[in-house]
Amino acid sequence: MTESTVVHLLRHGEVHNPQGLLYGRLPGYHLSENGRSMAELVAKALAGRDIVALYSSPLERAQETAAPIAQTLDLPVQTDDRLIEAGNVFQGLVIGGMFRAPRNLRHMWNPTRPSWGEPYVDIVRRMRAIVDVARAEARGHEAVLVSHQLPIWIIRQAAEGRRLWHDPRRRQCALASLTSLTFEGGRLASVGYSEPAGALVKPSKLLKPTK
């Protein structure tokens, strides 16, 4: 019988960000009260699962999302820089307004790379590497990796054989959602998606999906 291993990619919960900034890798951005409730709901949803490894991005919002999971499952949180948010030259700017400033146009010449941030191929490389590490550690069981929307979406795009450049408004990666990669032996067998804290996710006022 083929051995099954599941690697869950968990996006962090809601962040306290009253200014509406693209915070990227900036320090000091923590979960909101609602975000902490999201993390607790995810921990409850994962209780009883066969999870033997827990990894997290070093950023505060990811660490705070991982904390109740670690407590619930009695696992240490292993911090790994490969799970960090994607680099972006616009971090620290107000979302939306950054696209209207003429001085920023020089960063927008190539959306397929993208020219304003960490190349998609580099994100795939680092995310694939940490998924492989977690899969080896959790062989025959399950692992949880707490990361950020873009890295999770890009490795999913790569896993499903899709192009990496995309419309950010169409990402299926809500706050505190789980993107689950199931491996049969060394082969990726399926990609699943769930939102255990979906009832707490508020409609975004910053990036509305297109019709």
N, C-alpha and C. Protein backbone atom coordinates (compact mmCIF):
# COMPACT_ATOMS: atom_id res chain seq x y z
N MET A 1 0.85 -1.19 0.00
CA MET A 1 0.00 0.00 0.00
C MET A 1 0.89 1.24 0.00
N THR A 2 0.53 2.25 -0.83
CA THR A 2 1.30 3.48 -0.91
C THR A 2 1.13 4.31 0.35
N GLU A 3 2.22 4.89 0.80
CA GLU A 3 2.22 5.69 2.02
C GLU A 3 1.73 7.11 1.72
N SER A 4 0.76 7.60 2.50
CA SER A 4 0.20 8.94 2.30
C SER A 4 0.78 9.93 3.31
N THR A 5 1.14 11.11 2.82
CA THR A 5 1.63 12.20 3.66
C THR A 5 0.90 13.47 3.25
N VAL A 6 0.45 14.24 4.23
CA VAL A 6 -0.27 15.49 3.92
C VAL A 6 0.50 16.67 4.49
N VAL A 7 0.74 17.68 3.66
CA VAL A 7 1.36 18.92 4.10
C VAL A 7 0.32 20.03 3.96
N HIS A 8 -0.10 20.59 5.08
CA HIS A 8 -1.09 21.67 5.09
C HIS A 8 -0.37 23.02 5.10
N LEU A 9 -0.69 23.86 4.14
CA LEU A 9 -0.15 25.21 4.08
C LEU A 9 -1.21 26.15 4.64
N LEU A 10 -0.93 26.71 5.80
CA LEU A 10 -1.91 27.55 6.50
C LEU A 10 -1.55 29.02 6.37
N ARG A 11 -2.46 29.81 5.82
CA ARG A 11 -2.25 31.26 5.80
C ARG A 11 -2.56 31.81 7.19
N HIS A 12 -1.81 32.80 7.62
CA HIS A 12 -2.02 33.41 8.93
C HIS A 12 -3.40 34.06 9.02
N GLY A 13 -3.81 34.41 10.22
CA GLY A 13 -5.10 35.06 10.45
C GLY A 13 -5.05 36.56 10.17
N GLU A 14 -6.18 37.20 10.43
CA GLU A 14 -6.32 38.64 10.17
C GLU A 14 -5.33 39.46 10.99
N VAL A 15 -4.78 40.49 10.34
CA VAL A 15 -3.76 41.34 10.97
C VAL A 15 -4.36 42.70 11.35
N HIS A 16 -3.92 43.24 12.47
CA HIS A 16 -4.32 44.59 12.86
C HIS A 16 -3.56 45.57 11.97
N ASN A 17 -4.29 46.22 11.06
CA ASN A 17 -3.66 47.08 10.06
C ASN A 17 -4.59 48.25 9.73
N PRO A 18 -4.83 49.14 10.71
CA PRO A 18 -5.82 50.21 10.52
C PRO A 18 -5.46 51.18 9.40
N GLN A 19 -4.19 51.29 9.04
CA GLN A 19 -3.78 52.23 7.99
C GLN A 19 -3.91 51.63 6.59
N GLY A 20 -4.19 50.34 6.51
CA GLY A 20 -4.35 49.72 5.21
C GLY A 20 -3.06 49.65 4.42
N LEU A 21 -1.95 49.37 5.08
CA LEU A 21 -0.65 49.32 4.42
C LEU A 21 -0.35 47.93 3.87
N LEU A 22 0.48 47.89 2.85
CA LEU A 22 1.06 46.63 2.41
C LEU A 22 2.25 46.39 3.33
N TYR A 23 2.06 45.58 4.37
CA TYR A 23 3.09 45.45 5.40
C TYR A 23 4.20 44.50 5.02
N GLY A 24 3.96 43.57 4.09
CA GLY A 24 5.04 42.72 3.59
C GLY A 24 5.82 42.04 4.69
N ARG A 25 7.12 42.29 4.70
CA ARG A 25 8.01 41.69 5.69
C ARG A 25 8.32 42.62 6.86
N LEU A 26 7.62 43.76 6.93
CA LEU A 26 7.89 44.70 8.01
C LEU A 26 7.55 44.09 9.36
N PRO A 27 8.38 44.37 10.38
CA PRO A 27 8.09 43.84 11.73
C PRO A 27 6.98 44.64 12.39
N GLY A 28 6.40 44.07 13.44
CA GLY A 28 5.45 44.79 14.26
C GLY A 28 4.00 44.65 13.85
N TYR A 29 3.71 43.78 12.90
CA TYR A 29 2.32 43.57 12.49
C TYR A 29 1.81 42.27 13.10
N HIS A 30 0.87 42.43 14.03
CA HIS A 30 0.37 41.30 14.83
C HIS A 30 -1.07 40.97 14.44
N LEU A 31 -1.54 39.82 14.87
CA LEU A 31 -2.93 39.45 14.63
C LEU A 31 -3.87 40.40 15.37
N SER A 32 -5.00 40.68 14.74
CA SER A 32 -6.07 41.41 15.41
C SER A 32 -6.78 40.44 16.36
N GLU A 33 -7.72 40.96 17.13
CA GLU A 33 -8.50 40.07 17.99
C GLU A 33 -9.24 39.03 17.15
N ASN A 34 -9.77 39.46 16.02
CA ASN A 34 -10.45 38.54 15.13
C ASN A 34 -9.46 37.51 14.57
N GLY A 35 -8.26 37.96 14.28
CA GLY A 35 -7.23 37.04 13.78
C GLY A 35 -6.86 35.99 14.81
N ARG A 36 -6.82 36.38 16.07
CA ARG A 36 -6.53 35.40 17.13
C ARG A 36 -7.66 34.38 17.25
N SER A 37 -8.88 34.84 17.06
CA SER A 37 -10.02 33.91 17.08
C SER A 37 -9.93 32.95 15.91
N MET A 38 -9.50 33.45 14.76
CA MET A 38 -9.30 32.58 13.59
C MET A 38 -8.29 31.48 13.91
N ALA A 39 -7.17 31.87 14.51
CA ALA A 39 -6.13 30.90 14.84
C ALA A 39 -6.64 29.83 15.80
N GLU A 40 -7.46 30.24 16.75
CA GLU A 40 -8.04 29.29 17.70
C GLU A 40 -8.97 28.31 16.99
N LEU A 41 -9.75 28.82 16.04
CA LEU A 41 -10.65 27.94 15.29
C LEU A 41 -9.89 26.92 14.46
N VAL A 42 -8.80 27.36 13.84
CA VAL A 42 -7.99 26.44 13.05
C VAL A 42 -7.40 25.36 13.96
N ALA A 43 -6.92 25.78 15.12
CA ALA A 43 -6.34 24.80 16.06
C ALA A 43 -7.38 23.76 16.45
N LYS A 44 -8.61 24.19 16.68
CA LYS A 44 -9.67 23.24 17.04
C LYS A 44 -9.97 22.31 15.87
N ALA A 45 -9.94 22.86 14.65
CA ALA A 45 -10.22 22.04 13.47
C ALA A 45 -9.14 20.98 13.25
N LEU A 46 -7.91 21.29 13.66
CA LEU A 46 -6.80 20.37 13.45
C LEU A 46 -6.61 19.39 14.61
N ALA A 47 -7.28 19.65 15.71
CA ALA A 47 -7.15 18.75 16.87
C ALA A 47 -7.60 17.34 16.47
N GLY A 48 -6.82 16.37 16.85
CA GLY A 48 -7.15 14.99 16.52
C GLY A 48 -6.59 14.52 15.19
N ARG A 49 -6.05 15.45 14.39
CA ARG A 49 -5.42 15.04 13.13
C ARG A 49 -4.05 14.43 13.43
N ASP A 50 -3.55 13.68 12.50
CA ASP A 50 -2.28 12.98 12.68
C ASP A 50 -1.10 13.88 12.31
N ILE A 51 -1.03 15.04 12.96
CA ILE A 51 0.00 16.04 12.65
C ILE A 51 1.20 15.84 13.57
N VAL A 52 2.37 15.71 12.97
CA VAL A 52 3.58 15.44 13.76
C VAL A 52 4.65 16.51 13.58
N ALA A 53 4.41 17.51 12.73
CA ALA A 53 5.40 18.57 12.51
C ALA A 53 4.69 19.89 12.26
N LEU A 54 5.22 20.97 12.84
CA LEU A 54 4.65 22.30 12.71
C LEU A 54 5.76 23.30 12.42
N TYR A 55 5.65 23.98 11.29
CA TYR A 55 6.63 24.98 10.87
C TYR A 55 5.93 26.32 10.69
N SER A 56 6.70 27.41 10.83
CA SER A 56 6.11 28.74 10.66
C SER A 56 7.11 29.73 10.07
N SER A 57 6.57 30.67 9.32
CA SER A 57 7.31 31.86 8.91
C SER A 57 7.78 32.59 10.17
N PRO A 58 8.88 33.34 10.09
CA PRO A 58 9.36 34.07 11.28
C PRO A 58 8.54 35.31 11.62
N LEU A 59 7.67 35.78 10.74
CA LEU A 59 6.94 37.01 11.00
C LEU A 59 5.90 36.81 12.10
N GLU A 60 5.66 37.89 12.85
CA GLU A 60 4.82 37.80 14.05
C GLU A 60 3.44 37.21 13.78
N ARG A 61 2.80 37.63 12.71
CA ARG A 61 1.44 37.18 12.44
C ARG A 61 1.36 35.67 12.20
N ALA A 62 2.42 35.13 11.61
CA ALA A 62 2.47 33.68 11.38
C ALA A 62 2.76 32.94 12.67
N GLN A 63 3.69 33.46 13.46
CA GLN A 63 4.02 32.83 14.74
C GLN A 63 2.80 32.81 15.66
N GLU A 64 2.03 33.90 15.65
CA GLU A 64 0.85 33.98 16.51
C GLU A 64 -0.26 33.05 16.02
N THR A 65 -0.30 32.79 14.73
CA THR A 65 -1.27 31.84 14.19
C THR A 65 -0.87 30.41 14.55
N ALA A 66 0.43 30.15 14.56
CA ALA A 66 0.92 28.81 14.89
C ALA A 66 0.78 28.48 16.37
N ALA A 67 0.81 29.49 17.24
CA ALA A 67 0.86 29.26 18.69
C ALA A 67 -0.26 28.37 19.22
N PRO A 68 -1.55 28.66 18.93
CA PRO A 68 -2.59 27.78 19.48
C PRO A 68 -2.57 26.38 18.90
N ILE A 69 -2.05 26.23 17.68
CA ILE A 69 -1.90 24.89 17.10
C ILE A 69 -0.85 24.11 17.87
N ALA A 70 0.26 24.80 18.15
CA ALA A 70 1.34 24.16 18.92
C ALA A 70 0.84 23.71 20.29
N GLN A 71 0.04 24.56 20.93
CA GLN A 71 -0.49 24.21 22.25
C GLN A 71 -1.47 23.06 22.17
N THR A 72 -2.35 23.11 21.17
CA THR A 72 -3.37 22.07 21.03
C THR A 72 -2.76 20.71 20.71
N LEU A 73 -1.76 20.70 19.85
CA LEU A 73 -1.16 19.44 19.40
C LEU A 73 0.09 19.05 20.18
N ASP A 74 0.51 19.94 21.11
CA ASP A 74 1.71 19.69 21.91
C ASP A 74 2.92 19.47 21.01
N LEU A 75 3.12 20.41 20.08
CA LEU A 75 4.24 20.35 19.15
C LEU A 75 5.05 21.64 19.23
N PRO A 76 6.36 21.57 19.02
CA PRO A 76 7.16 22.80 18.95
C PRO A 76 6.94 23.48 17.61
N VAL A 77 7.05 24.80 17.58
CA VAL A 77 6.99 25.55 16.33
C VAL A 77 8.40 25.69 15.79
N GLN A 78 8.64 25.15 14.62
CA GLN A 78 9.95 25.25 13.97
C GLN A 78 9.90 26.43 12.99
N THR A 79 10.66 27.47 13.28
CA THR A 79 10.67 28.67 12.44
C THR A 79 11.58 28.45 11.24
N ASP A 80 11.07 28.79 10.05
CA ASP A 80 11.86 28.60 8.84
C ASP A 80 11.67 29.79 7.92
N ASP A 81 12.77 30.44 7.55
CA ASP A 81 12.72 31.64 6.71
C ASP A 81 12.15 31.38 5.33
N ARG A 82 12.14 30.15 4.88
CA ARG A 82 11.61 29.85 3.55
C ARG A 82 10.10 30.05 3.47
N LEU A 83 9.45 30.18 4.60
CA LEU A 83 8.00 30.39 4.64
C LEU A 83 7.62 31.86 4.72
N ILE A 84 8.59 32.75 4.68
CA ILE A 84 8.33 34.18 4.86
C ILE A 84 7.52 34.76 3.71
N GLU A 85 6.91 35.91 3.96
CA GLU A 85 6.17 36.64 2.93
C GLU A 85 7.08 36.98 1.76
N ALA A 86 6.51 37.13 0.58
CA ALA A 86 7.29 37.50 -0.61
C ALA A 86 7.83 38.92 -0.46
N GLY A 87 9.04 39.15 -0.95
CA GLY A 87 9.61 40.49 -0.96
C GLY A 87 8.83 41.38 -1.92
N ASN A 88 8.68 42.67 -1.57
CA ASN A 88 7.91 43.59 -2.40
C ASN A 88 8.42 45.01 -2.17
N VAL A 89 8.74 45.72 -3.26
CA VAL A 89 9.27 47.08 -3.13
C VAL A 89 8.22 48.06 -2.63
N PHE A 90 6.94 47.67 -2.67
CA PHE A 90 5.87 48.56 -2.24
C PHE A 90 5.52 48.41 -0.77
N GLN A 91 6.20 47.55 -0.03
CA GLN A 91 5.84 47.37 1.38
C GLN A 91 5.98 48.70 2.13
N GLY A 92 5.04 48.95 3.00
CA GLY A 92 5.01 50.19 3.76
C GLY A 92 4.13 51.26 3.14
N LEU A 93 3.64 51.00 1.91
CA LEU A 93 2.77 51.96 1.22
C LEU A 93 1.31 51.56 1.38
N VAL A 94 0.41 52.53 1.20
CA VAL A 94 -1.02 52.26 1.29
C VAL A 94 -1.44 51.44 0.07
N ILE A 95 -2.15 50.35 0.33
CA ILE A 95 -2.62 49.49 -0.76
C ILE A 95 -3.57 50.28 -1.64
N GLY A 96 -3.42 50.18 -2.93
CA GLY A 96 -4.25 50.91 -3.87
C GLY A 96 -3.55 52.18 -4.32
N GLY A 97 -3.17 53.02 -3.39
CA GLY A 97 -2.51 54.27 -3.73
C GLY A 97 -1.15 54.08 -4.38
N MET A 98 -0.51 52.94 -4.07
CA MET A 98 0.84 52.70 -4.61
C MET A 98 0.81 52.56 -6.13
N PHE A 99 -0.32 52.18 -6.70
CA PHE A 99 -0.41 52.01 -8.15
C PHE A 99 -0.63 53.32 -8.88
N ARG A 100 -1.03 54.37 -8.15
CA ARG A 100 -1.34 55.64 -8.78
C ARG A 100 -0.17 56.63 -8.76
N ALA A 101 0.85 56.33 -7.97
CA ALA A 101 1.99 57.25 -7.87
C ALA A 101 2.91 57.08 -9.08
N PRO A 102 3.15 58.13 -9.87
CA PRO A 102 3.99 58.02 -11.07
C PRO A 102 5.38 57.46 -10.79
N ARG A 103 5.92 57.75 -9.61
CA ARG A 103 7.28 57.28 -9.30
C ARG A 103 7.35 55.76 -9.19
N ASN A 104 6.20 55.11 -9.04
CA ASN A 104 6.19 53.66 -8.89
C ASN A 104 6.07 52.92 -10.22
N LEU A 105 5.81 53.65 -11.29
CA LEU A 105 5.60 53.01 -12.59
C LEU A 105 6.82 52.23 -13.05
N ARG A 106 8.01 52.65 -12.64
CA ARG A 106 9.24 51.97 -13.07
C ARG A 106 9.33 50.54 -12.53
N HIS A 107 8.52 50.25 -11.53
CA HIS A 107 8.55 48.89 -10.96
C HIS A 107 7.53 47.96 -11.62
N MET A 108 6.72 48.48 -12.54
CA MET A 108 5.60 47.71 -13.06
C MET A 108 5.78 47.24 -14.50
N TRP A 109 6.99 47.22 -14.99
CA TRP A 109 7.22 46.91 -16.40
C TRP A 109 6.99 45.44 -16.75
N ASN A 110 7.09 44.54 -15.77
CA ASN A 110 6.94 43.12 -16.09
C ASN A 110 6.14 42.39 -15.01
N PRO A 111 4.80 42.31 -15.17
CA PRO A 111 3.97 41.64 -14.15
C PRO A 111 4.16 40.14 -14.11
N THR A 112 4.78 39.54 -15.12
CA THR A 112 4.94 38.08 -15.11
C THR A 112 6.13 37.63 -14.28
N ARG A 113 7.00 38.56 -13.89
CA ARG A 113 8.20 38.15 -13.11
C ARG A 113 7.93 38.01 -11.62
N PRO A 114 7.38 38.91 -10.84
CA PRO A 114 6.99 40.28 -11.19
C PRO A 114 8.14 41.25 -10.93
N SER A 115 8.15 42.36 -11.65
CA SER A 115 9.25 43.32 -11.55
C SER A 115 9.23 44.12 -10.26
N TRP A 116 8.13 44.09 -9.49
CA TRP A 116 8.05 44.86 -8.25
C TRP A 116 8.40 44.05 -7.01
N GLY A 117 8.72 42.78 -7.19
CA GLY A 117 8.99 41.98 -6.00
C GLY A 117 9.79 40.74 -6.28
N GLU A 118 9.79 39.84 -5.30
CA GLU A 118 10.52 38.58 -5.40
C GLU A 118 10.01 37.78 -6.60
N PRO A 119 10.89 37.31 -7.47
CA PRO A 119 10.45 36.53 -8.64
C PRO A 119 9.64 35.30 -8.23
N TYR A 120 8.59 35.03 -8.99
CA TYR A 120 7.75 33.88 -8.68
C TYR A 120 8.54 32.57 -8.67
N VAL A 121 9.49 32.44 -9.57
CA VAL A 121 10.26 31.19 -9.62
C VAL A 121 11.08 31.01 -8.35
N ASP A 122 11.52 32.10 -7.74
CA ASP A 122 12.27 32.01 -6.49
C ASP A 122 11.35 31.59 -5.34
N ILE A 123 10.11 32.09 -5.37
CA ILE A 123 9.14 31.69 -4.34
C ILE A 123 8.86 30.20 -4.45
N VAL A 124 8.66 29.72 -5.69
CA VAL A 124 8.43 28.29 -5.88
C VAL A 124 9.60 27.48 -5.34
N ARG A 125 10.81 27.91 -5.62
CA ARG A 125 12.01 27.16 -5.22
C ARG A 125 12.07 27.02 -3.69
N ARG A 126 11.87 28.12 -2.97
CA ARG A 126 12.01 28.05 -1.51
C ARG A 126 10.83 27.32 -0.87
N MET A 127 9.63 27.54 -1.41
CA MET A 127 8.47 26.86 -0.84
C MET A 127 8.52 25.36 -1.11
N ARG A 128 8.94 24.98 -2.30
CA ARG A 128 9.07 23.55 -2.61
C ARG A 128 10.09 22.89 -1.69
N ALA A 129 11.16 23.62 -1.39
CA ALA A 129 12.21 23.07 -0.54
C ALA A 129 11.70 22.80 0.87
N ILE A 130 10.93 23.74 1.45
CA ILE A 130 10.45 23.53 2.81
C ILE A 130 9.31 22.51 2.85
N VAL A 131 8.50 22.44 1.79
CA VAL A 131 7.48 21.40 1.71
C VAL A 131 8.15 20.03 1.70
N ASP A 132 9.24 19.90 0.96
CA ASP A 132 9.96 18.62 0.90
C ASP A 132 10.53 18.24 2.27
N VAL A 133 11.05 19.25 2.99
CA VAL A 133 11.59 18.99 4.33
C VAL A 133 10.48 18.51 5.26
N ALA A 134 9.35 19.21 5.25
CA ALA A 134 8.23 18.84 6.12
C ALA A 134 7.66 17.48 5.73
N ARG A 135 7.59 17.22 4.43
CA ARG A 135 7.06 15.93 3.97
C ARG A 135 7.95 14.77 4.44
N ALA A 136 9.26 14.98 4.40
CA ALA A 136 10.17 13.94 4.86
C ALA A 136 10.05 13.71 6.36
N GLU A 137 9.91 14.79 7.12
CA GLU A 137 9.78 14.65 8.58
C GLU A 137 8.47 13.98 8.97
N ALA A 138 7.40 14.32 8.23
CA ALA A 138 6.08 13.82 8.59
C ALA A 138 5.68 12.59 7.77
N ARG A 139 6.61 11.93 7.18
CA ARG A 139 6.33 10.80 6.29
C ARG A 139 5.30 9.84 6.89
N GLY A 140 4.21 9.62 6.14
CA GLY A 140 3.15 8.75 6.60
C GLY A 140 2.18 9.42 7.55
N HIS A 141 2.40 10.72 7.83
CA HIS A 141 1.55 11.48 8.75
C HIS A 141 1.19 12.82 8.10
N GLU A 142 1.07 13.87 8.93
CA GLU A 142 0.71 15.19 8.42
C GLU A 142 1.61 16.26 9.04
N ALA A 143 1.75 17.37 8.30
CA ALA A 143 2.52 18.52 8.78
C ALA A 143 1.75 19.79 8.48
N VAL A 144 1.98 20.83 9.28
CA VAL A 144 1.37 22.14 9.06
C VAL A 144 2.48 23.17 8.89
N LEU A 145 2.36 23.99 7.83
CA LEU A 145 3.32 25.05 7.55
C LEU A 145 2.56 26.36 7.51
N VAL A 146 2.86 27.28 8.42
CA VAL A 146 2.16 28.57 8.48
C VAL A 146 2.94 29.59 7.65
N SER A 147 2.26 30.14 6.65
CA SER A 147 2.94 31.06 5.74
C SER A 147 1.99 32.21 5.37
N HIS A 148 2.12 32.72 4.16
CA HIS A 148 1.43 33.92 3.73
C HIS A 148 0.75 33.68 2.39
N GLN A 149 -0.17 34.55 2.03
CA GLN A 149 -1.02 34.29 0.87
C GLN A 149 -0.23 34.05 -0.42
N LEU A 150 0.64 34.97 -0.79
CA LEU A 150 1.32 34.83 -2.08
C LEU A 150 2.20 33.57 -2.16
N PRO A 151 3.06 33.30 -1.18
CA PRO A 151 3.85 32.07 -1.27
C PRO A 151 2.99 30.80 -1.36
N ILE A 152 1.89 30.77 -0.61
CA ILE A 152 1.02 29.60 -0.65
C ILE A 152 0.36 29.48 -2.03
N TRP A 153 -0.12 30.60 -2.55
CA TRP A 153 -0.80 30.56 -3.85
C TRP A 153 0.16 30.17 -4.97
N ILE A 154 1.37 30.70 -4.91
CA ILE A 154 2.34 30.42 -5.98
C ILE A 154 2.77 28.95 -5.97
N ILE A 155 3.00 28.36 -4.80
CA ILE A 155 3.39 26.95 -4.80
C ILE A 155 2.21 26.08 -5.21
N ARG A 156 0.99 26.52 -4.92
CA ARG A 156 -0.17 25.78 -5.41
C ARG A 156 -0.26 25.86 -6.94
N GLN A 157 -0.04 27.06 -7.49
CA GLN A 157 -0.05 27.21 -8.95
C GLN A 157 0.97 26.28 -9.59
N ALA A 158 2.16 26.24 -9.01
CA ALA A 158 3.22 25.38 -9.55
C ALA A 158 2.84 23.90 -9.42
N ALA A 159 2.28 23.53 -8.27
CA ALA A 159 1.91 22.13 -8.03
C ALA A 159 0.85 21.65 -9.01
N GLU A 160 -0.04 22.57 -9.39
CA GLU A 160 -1.12 22.22 -10.30
C GLU A 160 -0.76 22.44 -11.76
N GLY A 161 0.49 22.84 -12.01
CA GLY A 161 0.95 23.02 -13.38
C GLY A 161 0.39 24.24 -14.07
N ARG A 162 0.02 25.26 -13.29
CA ARG A 162 -0.52 26.49 -13.87
C ARG A 162 0.57 27.55 -14.01
N ARG A 163 0.29 28.56 -14.83
CA ARG A 163 1.24 29.67 -14.95
C ARG A 163 1.32 30.40 -13.61
N LEU A 164 2.46 31.00 -13.34
CA LEU A 164 2.67 31.63 -12.04
C LEU A 164 2.11 33.04 -11.96
N TRP A 165 2.14 33.80 -13.03
CA TRP A 165 1.59 35.15 -12.97
C TRP A 165 0.07 35.08 -13.03
N HIS A 166 -0.60 36.00 -12.32
CA HIS A 166 -2.03 35.85 -12.10
C HIS A 166 -2.63 37.16 -11.63
N ASP A 167 -3.95 37.20 -11.52
CA ASP A 167 -4.69 38.33 -10.96
C ASP A 167 -4.80 38.11 -9.45
N PRO A 168 -4.18 38.96 -8.63
CA PRO A 168 -4.22 38.75 -7.17
C PRO A 168 -5.62 38.67 -6.60
N ARG A 169 -6.59 39.29 -7.27
CA ARG A 169 -7.96 39.28 -6.77
C ARG A 169 -8.63 37.92 -6.91
N ARG A 170 -8.00 37.02 -7.65
CA ARG A 170 -8.60 35.71 -7.89
C ARG A 170 -7.89 34.58 -7.14
N ARG A 171 -7.07 34.92 -6.18
CA ARG A 171 -6.41 33.88 -5.40
C ARG A 171 -7.41 33.19 -4.47
N GLN A 172 -7.37 31.87 -4.43
CA GLN A 172 -8.18 31.12 -3.47
C GLN A 172 -7.28 30.82 -2.28
N CYS A 173 -7.18 31.78 -1.40
CA CYS A 173 -6.30 31.64 -0.23
C CYS A 173 -6.72 32.65 0.83
N ALA A 174 -7.88 32.43 1.42
CA ALA A 174 -8.43 33.35 2.41
C ALA A 174 -7.62 33.31 3.70
N LEU A 175 -7.85 34.30 4.54
CA LEU A 175 -7.20 34.33 5.84
C LEU A 175 -7.50 33.05 6.61
N ALA A 176 -6.47 32.49 7.23
CA ALA A 176 -6.58 31.27 8.06
C ALA A 176 -7.09 30.07 7.27
N SER A 177 -6.88 30.07 5.96
CA SER A 177 -7.30 28.93 5.14
C SER A 177 -6.19 27.88 5.07
N LEU A 178 -6.59 26.68 4.71
CA LEU A 178 -5.66 25.56 4.57
C LEU A 178 -5.62 25.09 3.12
N THR A 179 -4.43 25.09 2.54
CA THR A 179 -4.20 24.48 1.24
C THR A 179 -3.43 23.20 1.52
N SER A 180 -4.04 22.06 1.24
CA SER A 180 -3.49 20.77 1.67
C SER A 180 -2.96 19.96 0.50
N LEU A 181 -1.68 19.63 0.56
CA LEU A 181 -1.01 18.84 -0.47
C LEU A 181 -0.91 17.40 0.03
N THR A 182 -1.54 16.49 -0.68
CA THR A 182 -1.50 15.07 -0.31
C THR A 182 -0.57 14.33 -1.25
N PHE A 183 0.42 13.66 -0.66
CA PHE A 183 1.41 12.91 -1.42
C PHE A 183 1.19 11.42 -1.20
N GLU A 184 1.24 10.67 -2.28
CA GLU A 184 1.23 9.21 -2.22
C GLU A 184 2.63 8.76 -2.56
N GLY A 185 3.38 8.32 -1.55
CA GLY A 185 4.80 8.08 -1.76
C GLY A 185 5.46 9.41 -2.07
N GLY A 186 6.19 9.49 -3.17
CA GLY A 186 6.83 10.74 -3.57
C GLY A 186 6.04 11.52 -4.58
N ARG A 187 4.81 11.12 -4.87
CA ARG A 187 4.01 11.76 -5.91
C ARG A 187 2.90 12.61 -5.29
N LEU A 188 2.74 13.84 -5.82
CA LEU A 188 1.63 14.67 -5.38
C LEU A 188 0.35 14.11 -5.97
N ALA A 189 -0.55 13.68 -5.10
CA ALA A 189 -1.78 13.02 -5.56
C ALA A 189 -2.95 13.99 -5.67
N SER A 190 -3.02 14.99 -4.78
CA SER A 190 -4.14 15.92 -4.82
C SER A 190 -3.83 17.20 -4.06
N VAL A 191 -4.60 18.24 -4.39
CA VAL A 191 -4.51 19.52 -3.69
C VAL A 191 -5.91 19.85 -3.16
N GLY A 192 -6.00 20.05 -1.86
CA GLY A 192 -7.29 20.38 -1.26
C GLY A 192 -7.28 21.78 -0.68
N TYR A 193 -8.46 22.30 -0.40
CA TYR A 193 -8.57 23.66 0.15
C TYR A 193 -9.75 23.71 1.11
N SER A 194 -9.56 24.37 2.25
CA SER A 194 -10.64 24.52 3.22
C SER A 194 -10.46 25.81 4.00
N GLU A 195 -11.56 26.29 4.59
CA GLU A 195 -11.54 27.52 5.37
C GLU A 195 -12.17 27.27 6.74
N PRO A 196 -11.42 26.70 7.66
CA PRO A 196 -11.98 26.39 8.98
C PRO A 196 -12.42 27.62 9.76
N ALA A 197 -11.89 28.80 9.42
CA ALA A 197 -12.30 30.04 10.10
C ALA A 197 -13.05 30.95 9.14
N GLY A 198 -13.64 30.38 8.11
CA GLY A 198 -14.30 31.16 7.08
C GLY A 198 -15.39 32.08 7.59
N ALA A 199 -16.07 31.68 8.66
CA ALA A 199 -17.16 32.50 9.20
C ALA A 199 -16.66 33.83 9.76
N LEU A 200 -15.37 33.91 10.06
CA LEU A 200 -14.80 35.13 10.64
C LEU A 200 -14.11 36.03 9.61
N VAL A 201 -14.04 35.57 8.37
CA VAL A 201 -13.36 36.35 7.33
C VAL A 201 -14.29 37.45 6.83
N LYS A 202 -13.83 38.69 6.91
CA LYS A 202 -14.62 39.84 6.46
C LYS A 202 -14.31 40.14 4.99
N PRO A 203 -15.29 40.57 4.22
CA PRO A 203 -15.04 40.93 2.81
C PRO A 203 -13.98 42.03 2.74
N SER A 204 -13.02 41.87 1.83
CA SER A 204 -11.96 42.85 1.69
C SER A 204 -12.47 44.11 1.03
N LYS A 205 -12.09 45.26 1.61
CA LYS A 205 -12.44 46.54 1.01
C LYS A 205 -11.32 47.06 0.12
N LEU A 206 -10.20 46.32 0.11
CA LEU A 206 -9.02 46.79 -0.61
C LEU A 206 -8.89 46.15 -1.98
N LEU A 207 -9.10 44.86 -2.06
CA LEU A 207 -8.99 44.14 -3.32
C LEU A 207 -10.27 43.36 -3.57
N LYS A 208 -11.15 43.90 -4.37
CA LYS A 208 -12.41 43.23 -4.66
C LYS A 208 -12.25 42.34 -5.89
N PRO A 209 -12.83 41.14 -5.85
CA PRO A 209 -12.70 40.24 -7.00
C PRO A 209 -13.42 40.78 -8.22
N THR A 210 -12.87 40.48 -9.38
CA THR A 210 -13.50 40.89 -10.61
C THR A 210 -14.64 39.94 -10.94
N LYS A 211 -15.55 40.38 -11.78
CA LYS A 211 -16.69 39.54 -12.18
C LYS A 211 -16.41 38.87 -13.52
